[in-house]
Protein backbone atom coordinates (compact mmCIF):
# COMPACT_ATOMS: atom_id res chain seq x y z
CA UNK A 1 -70.38 65.40 41.89
CA UNK A 2 -67.88 67.95 43.04
CA UNK A 3 -67.18 68.91 39.44
CA UNK A 4 -71.13 69.36 38.88
CA UNK A 5 -71.04 71.36 42.00
CA UNK A 6 -68.19 74.04 41.16
CA UNK A 7 -69.62 74.25 37.30
CA UNK A 8 -73.30 75.26 38.86
CA UNK A 9 -71.37 77.71 41.61
CA UNK A 10 -69.73 79.38 38.74
CA UNK A 11 -72.32 79.57 36.02
CA UNK A 12 -74.68 82.61 35.54
CA UNK A 13 -77.92 80.77 36.64
CA UNK A 14 -75.96 80.18 40.12
CA UNK A 15 -74.32 83.54 40.55
CA UNK A 16 -77.74 84.62 39.98
CA UNK A 17 -79.29 82.38 42.53
CA UNK A 18 -76.55 83.26 44.73
CA UNK A 19 -77.42 87.21 44.27
CA UNK A 20 -80.99 86.30 44.66
CA UNK A 21 -81.07 84.39 47.57
CA UNK A 22 -78.20 85.93 49.95
CA UNK A 23 -77.55 89.03 48.51
CA UNK A 24 -73.97 88.40 47.65
CA UNK A 25 -71.90 85.70 45.64
CA UNK A 26 -70.08 83.00 46.79
CA UNK A 27 -66.51 81.65 46.68
CA UNK A 28 -66.38 78.47 44.67
CA UNK A 29 -63.03 77.70 45.53
CA UNK A 30 -63.98 75.00 47.81
CA UNK A 31 -66.07 72.85 45.56
CA UNK A 32 -62.82 72.96 42.83
CA UNK A 33 -60.67 71.87 45.48
CA UNK A 34 -62.92 69.31 46.77
CA UNK A 35 -63.28 68.10 42.84
CA UNK A 36 -59.40 67.97 42.68
CA UNK A 37 -59.18 65.88 46.02
CA UNK A 38 -61.61 63.87 44.62
CA UNK A 39 -59.55 62.98 41.76
CA UNK A 40 -56.44 62.74 43.71
CA UNK A 41 -58.09 59.97 45.77
CA UNK A 42 -59.49 57.97 42.97
CA UNK A 43 -56.29 58.48 41.04
CA UNK A 44 -53.63 58.11 43.34
CA UNK A 45 -55.44 57.00 46.40
CA UNK A 46 -54.13 60.08 48.26
CA UNK A 47 -55.24 59.96 52.15
CA UNK A 48 -54.79 63.48 52.84
CA UNK A 49 -57.07 64.18 49.83
CA UNK A 50 -59.61 62.07 51.00
CA UNK A 51 -59.45 63.93 54.54
CA UNK A 52 -59.73 67.18 53.16
CA UNK A 53 -63.07 66.16 51.14
CA UNK A 54 -64.20 64.27 54.37
CA UNK A 55 -63.65 67.00 56.56
CA UNK A 56 -65.55 69.73 53.92
CA UNK A 57 -68.54 67.38 53.94
CA UNK A 58 -68.52 67.02 57.96
CA UNK A 59 -68.41 71.07 58.16
CA UNK A 60 -71.32 71.00 55.18
CA UNK A 61 -73.64 68.75 57.04
CA UNK A 62 -72.77 70.67 60.25
CA UNK A 63 -73.56 73.88 59.28
CA UNK A 64 -76.77 72.68 57.25
CA UNK A 65 -78.01 70.98 60.53
CA UNK A 66 -77.19 74.02 62.74
CA UNK A 67 -79.13 75.90 59.87
CA UNK A 68 -82.30 73.51 60.09
CA UNK A 69 -82.18 73.19 63.89
CA UNK A 70 -81.80 77.12 64.68
CA UNK A 71 -84.71 78.00 62.23
CA UNK A 72 -87.32 79.90 64.17
CA UNK A 73 -89.82 80.36 61.52
CA UNK A 74 -91.11 76.34 61.44
CA UNK A 75 -91.90 74.60 64.56
CA UNK A 76 -89.60 71.71 65.12
CA UNK A 77 -91.88 67.95 65.40
CA UNK A 78 -91.34 65.78 68.33
CA UNK A 79 -92.84 62.88 66.39
CA UNK A 80 -94.53 62.11 62.94
CA UNK A 81 -98.20 63.01 62.36
CA UNK A 82 -100.39 60.38 63.33
CA UNK A 83 -101.64 59.94 59.56
CA UNK A 84 -98.39 59.98 57.87
CA UNK A 85 -98.54 56.24 56.95
CA UNK A 86 -101.82 56.40 55.51
CA UNK A 87 -102.69 55.06 52.08
CA UNK A 88 -102.23 57.73 49.02
CA UNK A 89 -105.25 58.60 47.24
CA UNK A 90 -106.07 56.60 44.19
CA UNK A 91 -105.43 59.55 41.96
CA UNK A 92 -101.73 59.61 42.96
CA UNK A 93 -101.43 55.78 42.82
CA UNK A 94 -102.98 56.08 39.02
CA UNK A 95 -100.43 59.04 38.29
CA UNK A 96 -97.62 56.95 39.57
CA UNK A 97 -98.36 53.90 37.34
CA UNK A 98 -97.45 56.24 34.72
CA UNK A 99 -94.79 57.79 35.60
CA UNK A 100 -91.37 57.59 34.71
CA UNK A 101 -90.18 56.16 37.76
CA UNK A 102 -92.35 53.16 37.40
CA UNK A 103 -91.28 52.66 33.87
CA UNK A 104 -87.90 52.76 35.12
CA UNK A 105 -88.29 49.88 37.49
CA UNK A 106 -90.49 47.84 35.14
CA UNK A 107 -87.43 48.27 32.91
CA UNK A 108 -85.29 47.25 35.81
CA UNK A 109 -87.13 44.31 36.52
CA UNK A 110 -87.27 43.24 32.96
CA UNK A 111 -83.60 43.29 32.58
CA UNK A 112 -83.07 41.35 35.81
CA UNK A 113 -85.26 38.45 34.40
CA UNK A 114 -83.44 38.31 31.28
C-alpha cells in the first residue's frame, strides 16, 4: 500500500489533484520512507522501522480525526437517524443480485464447498 500511495502521490494525476484541492503539491517522502520501513520490517523484522511506520500512521489518523471533528460545514450527529436500518428498496436489492460483489461472494461460497 505504501508503494502505491507513493506512486500516486508522485504521479501527474496525483500532483494535479493536490494542486486542485489545496493549491500546492506535497512532499511524497513520508510515503517513500514508510514503504522502505515496511520492507525493512518484513525482510529483517526491524523493530525501529516498525515503530516509525506506526508513528506515521498514528499521526495520519490524528490529523484526519482532527480535520473531521473541526469541520464547521457539517453538523456532527449525536446519534444515528431513526430510519438508518430500514431495508433497502427492491430496486437496489435487485441490482445487488447481479453486482460484481454478489458474483464474487457466490464464487467464494462455491470454492468453499469444493
